Amino acid sequence: MIRLLDDMPAGVLGFEAIGDVELHDYLNVFVPAIESAVAEHGKARLVYVLGPEFDEYEGDAAWEDLKLGLRHPASFERIAIVTDARWASPAIKMFSILWPGQARAFPLTDLAAAKAWAAEGDA
């Protein structure tokens, strides 16, 4: 499931993935929040926590994630991925070449720094 995080800086959306992320979670939580932020601000800034309770993305949810990115290719201004997964930092470096915005990985202990980084600039 995906849940919205409270206590986020102005202009920053916070999400946490818990257990398996399924299509209905993605469509009912993630997509509406992103669409609303893009409609209101033209851009989205995200903090996305993949903590120890996160298991995996269901295939349909991963596909919807890709489609959302294709619908808004220049709308993701900053994405902070907060996780202790070892694959995150190299994957973000590789995929950030394709994103017009900035992306950065943070360890779980640095959630506050991830929030601050996502909020930097002209939010």
N, C-alpha and C. Protein backbone atom coordinates (compact mmCIF):
# COMPACT_ATOMS: atom_id res chain seq x y z
N MET A 1 0.84 -1.18 0.00
CA MET A 1 0.00 0.00 0.00
C MET A 1 0.88 1.24 0.00
N ILE A 2 0.30 2.34 -0.38
CA ILE A 2 0.97 3.64 -0.34
C ILE A 2 0.16 4.53 0.57
N ARG A 3 0.86 5.21 1.48
CA ARG A 3 0.15 6.17 2.31
C ARG A 3 0.82 7.53 2.19
N LEU A 4 -0.01 8.57 2.28
CA LEU A 4 0.50 9.93 2.28
C LEU A 4 1.15 10.22 3.63
N LEU A 5 2.26 10.91 3.60
CA LEU A 5 2.96 11.30 4.82
C LEU A 5 2.54 12.71 5.22
N ASP A 6 2.35 12.88 6.50
CA ASP A 6 2.06 14.22 7.06
C ASP A 6 3.38 14.90 7.35
N ASP A 7 3.30 16.13 7.82
CA ASP A 7 4.47 16.87 8.26
C ASP A 7 5.52 17.05 7.16
N MET A 8 5.04 17.43 5.98
CA MET A 8 5.94 17.68 4.86
C MET A 8 6.09 19.19 4.67
N PRO A 9 7.23 19.62 4.15
CA PRO A 9 7.40 21.05 3.86
C PRO A 9 6.40 21.51 2.79
N ALA A 10 6.13 22.78 2.76
CA ALA A 10 5.21 23.34 1.76
C ALA A 10 5.69 22.98 0.36
N GLY A 11 4.78 22.54 -0.47
CA GLY A 11 5.11 22.22 -1.85
C GLY A 11 5.71 20.85 -2.07
N VAL A 12 5.81 20.03 -1.03
CA VAL A 12 6.41 18.70 -1.14
C VAL A 12 5.37 17.65 -0.77
N LEU A 13 5.25 16.64 -1.62
CA LEU A 13 4.38 15.50 -1.33
C LEU A 13 5.22 14.39 -0.71
N GLY A 14 4.68 13.75 0.31
CA GLY A 14 5.37 12.64 0.94
C GLY A 14 4.55 11.38 0.84
N PHE A 15 5.22 10.28 0.50
CA PHE A 15 4.58 8.97 0.37
C PHE A 15 5.43 7.93 1.07
N GLU A 16 4.77 6.89 1.55
CA GLU A 16 5.49 5.74 2.10
C GLU A 16 4.88 4.47 1.50
N ALA A 17 5.74 3.61 0.97
CA ALA A 17 5.31 2.32 0.45
C ALA A 17 5.44 1.30 1.58
N ILE A 18 4.36 0.54 1.80
CA ILE A 18 4.34 -0.46 2.86
C ILE A 18 3.82 -1.77 2.27
N GLY A 19 4.53 -2.85 2.52
CA GLY A 19 4.10 -4.14 1.99
C GLY A 19 4.18 -4.16 0.47
N ASP A 20 3.18 -4.74 -0.16
CA ASP A 20 3.11 -4.76 -1.62
C ASP A 20 2.34 -3.55 -2.11
N VAL A 21 2.90 -2.83 -3.08
CA VAL A 21 2.20 -1.71 -3.71
C VAL A 21 1.43 -2.28 -4.89
N GLU A 22 0.12 -2.17 -4.80
CA GLU A 22 -0.76 -2.72 -5.84
C GLU A 22 -1.36 -1.59 -6.67
N LEU A 23 -1.94 -1.95 -7.79
CA LEU A 23 -2.48 -0.97 -8.72
C LEU A 23 -3.50 -0.06 -8.05
N HIS A 24 -4.45 -0.61 -7.28
CA HIS A 24 -5.48 0.25 -6.67
C HIS A 24 -4.86 1.24 -5.69
N ASP A 25 -3.80 0.85 -4.98
CA ASP A 25 -3.11 1.80 -4.09
C ASP A 25 -2.53 2.95 -4.90
N TYR A 26 -1.90 2.60 -5.97
CA TYR A 26 -1.26 3.58 -6.82
C TYR A 26 -2.28 4.54 -7.42
N LEU A 27 -3.37 3.97 -7.96
CA LEU A 27 -4.39 4.79 -8.62
C LEU A 27 -5.19 5.64 -7.64
N ASN A 28 -5.36 5.17 -6.40
CA ASN A 28 -6.20 5.89 -5.45
C ASN A 28 -5.44 6.85 -4.54
N VAL A 29 -4.13 6.71 -4.44
CA VAL A 29 -3.34 7.58 -3.55
C VAL A 29 -2.30 8.38 -4.34
N PHE A 30 -1.39 7.68 -4.98
CA PHE A 30 -0.25 8.31 -5.63
C PHE A 30 -0.66 9.19 -6.81
N VAL A 31 -1.36 8.62 -7.77
CA VAL A 31 -1.70 9.36 -8.99
C VAL A 31 -2.54 10.60 -8.70
N PRO A 32 -3.60 10.52 -7.90
CA PRO A 32 -4.37 11.76 -7.65
C PRO A 32 -3.55 12.86 -6.98
N ALA A 33 -2.68 12.50 -6.06
CA ALA A 33 -1.85 13.51 -5.39
C ALA A 33 -0.89 14.17 -6.38
N ILE A 34 -0.27 13.37 -7.24
CA ILE A 34 0.65 13.91 -8.24
C ILE A 34 -0.10 14.80 -9.23
N GLU A 35 -1.22 14.30 -9.74
CA GLU A 35 -2.01 15.07 -10.70
C GLU A 35 -2.44 16.40 -10.11
N SER A 36 -2.85 16.41 -8.85
CA SER A 36 -3.26 17.64 -8.18
C SER A 36 -2.10 18.62 -8.05
N ALA A 37 -0.93 18.11 -7.63
CA ALA A 37 0.25 18.97 -7.48
C ALA A 37 0.67 19.58 -8.81
N VAL A 38 0.65 18.77 -9.86
CA VAL A 38 1.04 19.27 -11.18
C VAL A 38 0.03 20.31 -11.67
N ALA A 39 -1.27 20.05 -11.45
CA ALA A 39 -2.29 21.01 -11.87
C ALA A 39 -2.16 22.33 -11.12
N GLU A 40 -1.83 22.25 -9.83
CA GLU A 40 -1.75 23.46 -9.01
C GLU A 40 -0.44 24.21 -9.18
N HIS A 41 0.69 23.49 -9.26
CA HIS A 41 2.01 24.13 -9.27
C HIS A 41 2.78 23.98 -10.58
N GLY A 42 2.31 23.10 -11.46
CA GLY A 42 3.04 22.85 -12.70
C GLY A 42 4.18 21.86 -12.53
N LYS A 43 4.56 21.58 -11.30
CA LYS A 43 5.66 20.67 -10.98
C LYS A 43 5.30 19.88 -9.73
N ALA A 44 6.02 18.81 -9.50
CA ALA A 44 5.84 18.03 -8.27
C ALA A 44 7.20 17.78 -7.64
N ARG A 45 7.22 17.89 -6.33
CA ARG A 45 8.40 17.56 -5.52
C ARG A 45 7.98 16.44 -4.59
N LEU A 46 8.77 15.37 -4.55
CA LEU A 46 8.37 14.19 -3.81
C LEU A 46 9.42 13.72 -2.82
N VAL A 47 8.94 13.17 -1.73
CA VAL A 47 9.74 12.36 -0.82
C VAL A 47 9.04 11.02 -0.79
N TYR A 48 9.75 9.97 -1.17
CA TYR A 48 9.15 8.65 -1.26
C TYR A 48 9.94 7.68 -0.39
N VAL A 49 9.30 7.20 0.66
CA VAL A 49 9.96 6.33 1.63
C VAL A 49 9.67 4.87 1.29
N LEU A 50 10.74 4.11 1.11
CA LEU A 50 10.66 2.66 0.92
C LEU A 50 11.34 2.04 2.13
N GLY A 51 10.59 1.91 3.20
CA GLY A 51 11.14 1.44 4.46
C GLY A 51 11.23 -0.06 4.56
N PRO A 52 11.54 -0.56 5.73
CA PRO A 52 11.71 -2.00 5.91
C PRO A 52 10.43 -2.80 5.70
N GLU A 53 9.27 -2.15 5.78
CA GLU A 53 8.00 -2.85 5.56
C GLU A 53 7.65 -2.97 4.08
N PHE A 54 8.38 -2.27 3.20
CA PHE A 54 8.10 -2.34 1.76
C PHE A 54 8.59 -3.67 1.21
N ASP A 55 7.72 -4.32 0.42
CA ASP A 55 8.10 -5.59 -0.21
C ASP A 55 8.39 -5.41 -1.69
N GLU A 56 7.36 -5.03 -2.47
CA GLU A 56 7.57 -4.90 -3.91
C GLU A 56 6.40 -4.17 -4.56
N TYR A 57 6.63 -3.76 -5.80
CA TYR A 57 5.58 -3.21 -6.64
C TYR A 57 4.95 -4.35 -7.42
N GLU A 58 3.62 -4.38 -7.43
CA GLU A 58 2.90 -5.28 -8.32
C GLU A 58 3.15 -4.78 -9.75
N GLY A 59 3.17 -5.68 -10.71
CA GLY A 59 3.46 -5.32 -12.10
C GLY A 59 2.59 -4.21 -12.64
N ASP A 60 1.28 -4.24 -12.35
CA ASP A 60 0.38 -3.21 -12.84
C ASP A 60 0.67 -1.84 -12.23
N ALA A 61 1.11 -1.83 -10.98
CA ALA A 61 1.46 -0.56 -10.33
C ALA A 61 2.73 0.02 -10.95
N ALA A 62 3.69 -0.83 -11.24
CA ALA A 62 4.93 -0.36 -11.88
C ALA A 62 4.61 0.20 -13.26
N TRP A 63 3.72 -0.44 -13.99
CA TRP A 63 3.32 0.03 -15.33
C TRP A 63 2.63 1.40 -15.21
N GLU A 64 1.77 1.56 -14.22
CA GLU A 64 1.08 2.84 -14.02
C GLU A 64 2.09 3.94 -13.67
N ASP A 65 3.12 3.60 -12.92
CA ASP A 65 4.18 4.54 -12.57
C ASP A 65 4.86 5.04 -13.84
N LEU A 66 5.18 4.13 -14.73
CA LEU A 66 5.81 4.50 -15.99
C LEU A 66 4.89 5.40 -16.82
N LYS A 67 3.61 5.06 -16.89
CA LYS A 67 2.66 5.87 -17.65
C LYS A 67 2.53 7.28 -17.07
N LEU A 68 2.53 7.38 -15.74
CA LEU A 68 2.45 8.70 -15.10
C LEU A 68 3.66 9.55 -15.49
N GLY A 69 4.83 8.95 -15.48
CA GLY A 69 6.03 9.66 -15.88
C GLY A 69 5.98 10.11 -17.33
N LEU A 70 5.41 9.28 -18.19
CA LEU A 70 5.29 9.65 -19.60
C LEU A 70 4.27 10.76 -19.82
N ARG A 71 3.20 10.80 -18.99
CA ARG A 71 2.20 11.87 -19.11
C ARG A 71 2.75 13.20 -18.64
N HIS A 72 3.69 13.17 -17.71
CA HIS A 72 4.25 14.40 -17.12
C HIS A 72 5.77 14.35 -17.14
N PRO A 73 6.38 14.28 -18.33
CA PRO A 73 7.83 14.04 -18.38
C PRO A 73 8.68 15.14 -17.73
N ALA A 74 8.21 16.36 -17.70
CA ALA A 74 9.02 17.45 -17.14
C ALA A 74 8.45 17.98 -15.83
N SER A 75 7.52 17.26 -15.23
CA SER A 75 6.81 17.78 -14.06
C SER A 75 7.41 17.38 -12.72
N PHE A 76 8.36 16.47 -12.71
CA PHE A 76 8.94 16.04 -11.45
C PHE A 76 10.22 16.83 -11.21
N GLU A 77 10.12 17.84 -10.35
CA GLU A 77 11.23 18.75 -10.12
C GLU A 77 12.30 18.15 -9.22
N ARG A 78 11.88 17.53 -8.12
CA ARG A 78 12.81 16.87 -7.19
C ARG A 78 12.14 15.62 -6.64
N ILE A 79 12.90 14.53 -6.64
CA ILE A 79 12.41 13.28 -6.07
C ILE A 79 13.47 12.76 -5.11
N ALA A 80 13.09 12.68 -3.84
CA ALA A 80 13.98 12.11 -2.82
C ALA A 80 13.45 10.71 -2.50
N ILE A 81 14.26 9.70 -2.77
CA ILE A 81 13.92 8.33 -2.43
C ILE A 81 14.63 8.01 -1.12
N VAL A 82 13.87 7.64 -0.11
CA VAL A 82 14.42 7.40 1.23
C VAL A 82 14.32 5.91 1.52
N THR A 83 15.47 5.25 1.54
CA THR A 83 15.50 3.80 1.71
C THR A 83 16.91 3.35 2.10
N ASP A 84 16.98 2.21 2.71
CA ASP A 84 18.27 1.60 2.99
C ASP A 84 18.62 0.53 1.96
N ALA A 85 17.78 0.37 0.95
CA ALA A 85 18.05 -0.61 -0.11
C ALA A 85 19.31 -0.20 -0.88
N ARG A 86 20.22 -1.13 -1.04
CA ARG A 86 21.50 -0.83 -1.70
C ARG A 86 21.36 -0.48 -3.17
N TRP A 87 20.31 -0.94 -3.81
CA TRP A 87 20.13 -0.69 -5.24
C TRP A 87 19.70 0.74 -5.53
N ALA A 88 19.17 1.46 -4.53
CA ALA A 88 18.53 2.75 -4.78
C ALA A 88 19.47 3.81 -5.34
N SER A 89 20.59 4.03 -4.71
CA SER A 89 21.48 5.10 -5.15
C SER A 89 22.00 4.88 -6.56
N PRO A 90 22.54 3.68 -6.91
CA PRO A 90 22.98 3.48 -8.29
C PRO A 90 21.84 3.56 -9.30
N ALA A 91 20.67 3.05 -8.93
CA ALA A 91 19.53 3.09 -9.85
C ALA A 91 19.09 4.53 -10.11
N ILE A 92 19.06 5.34 -9.06
CA ILE A 92 18.65 6.73 -9.22
C ILE A 92 19.66 7.48 -10.08
N LYS A 93 20.94 7.24 -9.87
CA LYS A 93 21.95 7.89 -10.71
C LYS A 93 21.76 7.51 -12.17
N MET A 94 21.48 6.25 -12.44
CA MET A 94 21.30 5.79 -13.81
C MET A 94 20.04 6.41 -14.44
N PHE A 95 18.92 6.34 -13.72
CA PHE A 95 17.67 6.83 -14.28
C PHE A 95 17.56 8.35 -14.28
N SER A 96 18.33 9.03 -13.45
CA SER A 96 18.23 10.50 -13.41
C SER A 96 18.68 11.13 -14.72
N ILE A 97 19.40 10.40 -15.52
CA ILE A 97 19.77 10.89 -16.85
C ILE A 97 18.51 11.11 -17.69
N LEU A 98 17.49 10.30 -17.46
CA LEU A 98 16.25 10.38 -18.23
C LEU A 98 15.28 11.41 -17.67
N TRP A 99 15.44 11.80 -16.39
CA TRP A 99 14.53 12.74 -15.77
C TRP A 99 15.04 14.15 -15.93
N PRO A 100 14.17 15.08 -16.33
CA PRO A 100 14.61 16.47 -16.41
C PRO A 100 14.82 17.10 -15.04
N GLY A 101 14.20 16.56 -14.01
CA GLY A 101 14.36 17.09 -12.65
C GLY A 101 15.54 16.43 -11.95
N GLN A 102 15.60 16.63 -10.65
CA GLN A 102 16.68 16.06 -9.86
C GLN A 102 16.13 14.91 -9.01
N ALA A 103 16.95 13.90 -8.82
CA ALA A 103 16.59 12.77 -7.96
C ALA A 103 17.79 12.43 -7.10
N ARG A 104 17.50 12.01 -5.87
CA ARG A 104 18.58 11.69 -4.95
C ARG A 104 18.11 10.65 -3.95
N ALA A 105 18.99 9.74 -3.58
CA ALA A 105 18.68 8.72 -2.58
C ALA A 105 19.19 9.17 -1.22
N PHE A 106 18.42 8.86 -0.19
CA PHE A 106 18.78 9.16 1.19
C PHE A 106 18.56 7.90 2.02
N PRO A 107 19.40 7.66 3.02
CA PRO A 107 19.13 6.54 3.93
C PRO A 107 17.93 6.87 4.83
N LEU A 108 17.31 5.85 5.38
CA LEU A 108 16.14 6.06 6.23
C LEU A 108 16.41 6.99 7.40
N THR A 109 17.63 6.97 7.90
CA THR A 109 17.96 7.84 9.03
C THR A 109 18.01 9.32 8.64
N ASP A 110 18.01 9.61 7.35
CA ASP A 110 18.10 11.00 6.87
C ASP A 110 16.79 11.51 6.27
N LEU A 111 15.65 11.05 6.80
CA LEU A 111 14.36 11.51 6.28
C LEU A 111 14.23 13.02 6.37
N ALA A 112 14.66 13.62 7.47
CA ALA A 112 14.58 15.08 7.61
C ALA A 112 15.40 15.79 6.53
N ALA A 113 16.58 15.27 6.23
CA ALA A 113 17.41 15.86 5.18
C ALA A 113 16.75 15.70 3.82
N ALA A 114 16.10 14.57 3.58
CA ALA A 114 15.39 14.35 2.31
C ALA A 114 14.27 15.36 2.14
N LYS A 115 13.53 15.60 3.21
CA LYS A 115 12.45 16.59 3.16
C LYS A 115 13.00 17.98 2.85
N ALA A 116 14.08 18.35 3.52
CA ALA A 116 14.69 19.67 3.32
C ALA A 116 15.20 19.81 1.89
N TRP A 117 15.87 18.76 1.38
CA TRP A 117 16.40 18.82 0.02
C TRP A 117 15.26 18.96 -1.00
N ALA A 118 14.19 18.19 -0.82
CA ALA A 118 13.06 18.25 -1.75
C ALA A 118 12.42 19.64 -1.76
N ALA A 119 12.46 20.34 -0.65
CA ALA A 119 11.84 21.65 -0.54
C ALA A 119 12.72 22.80 -1.01
N GLU A 120 14.02 22.55 -1.24
CA GLU A 120 14.94 23.62 -1.65
C GLU A 120 14.52 24.24 -2.97
N GLY A 121 14.86 25.50 -3.14
CA GLY A 121 14.63 26.17 -4.42
C GLY A 121 13.33 26.92 -4.44
N ASP A 122 12.75 27.01 -5.60
CA ASP A 122 11.55 27.83 -5.82
C ASP A 122 10.27 27.03 -5.64
N ALA A 123 10.06 26.43 -4.51
CA ALA A 123 8.86 25.59 -4.30
C ALA A 123 7.60 26.40 -4.35
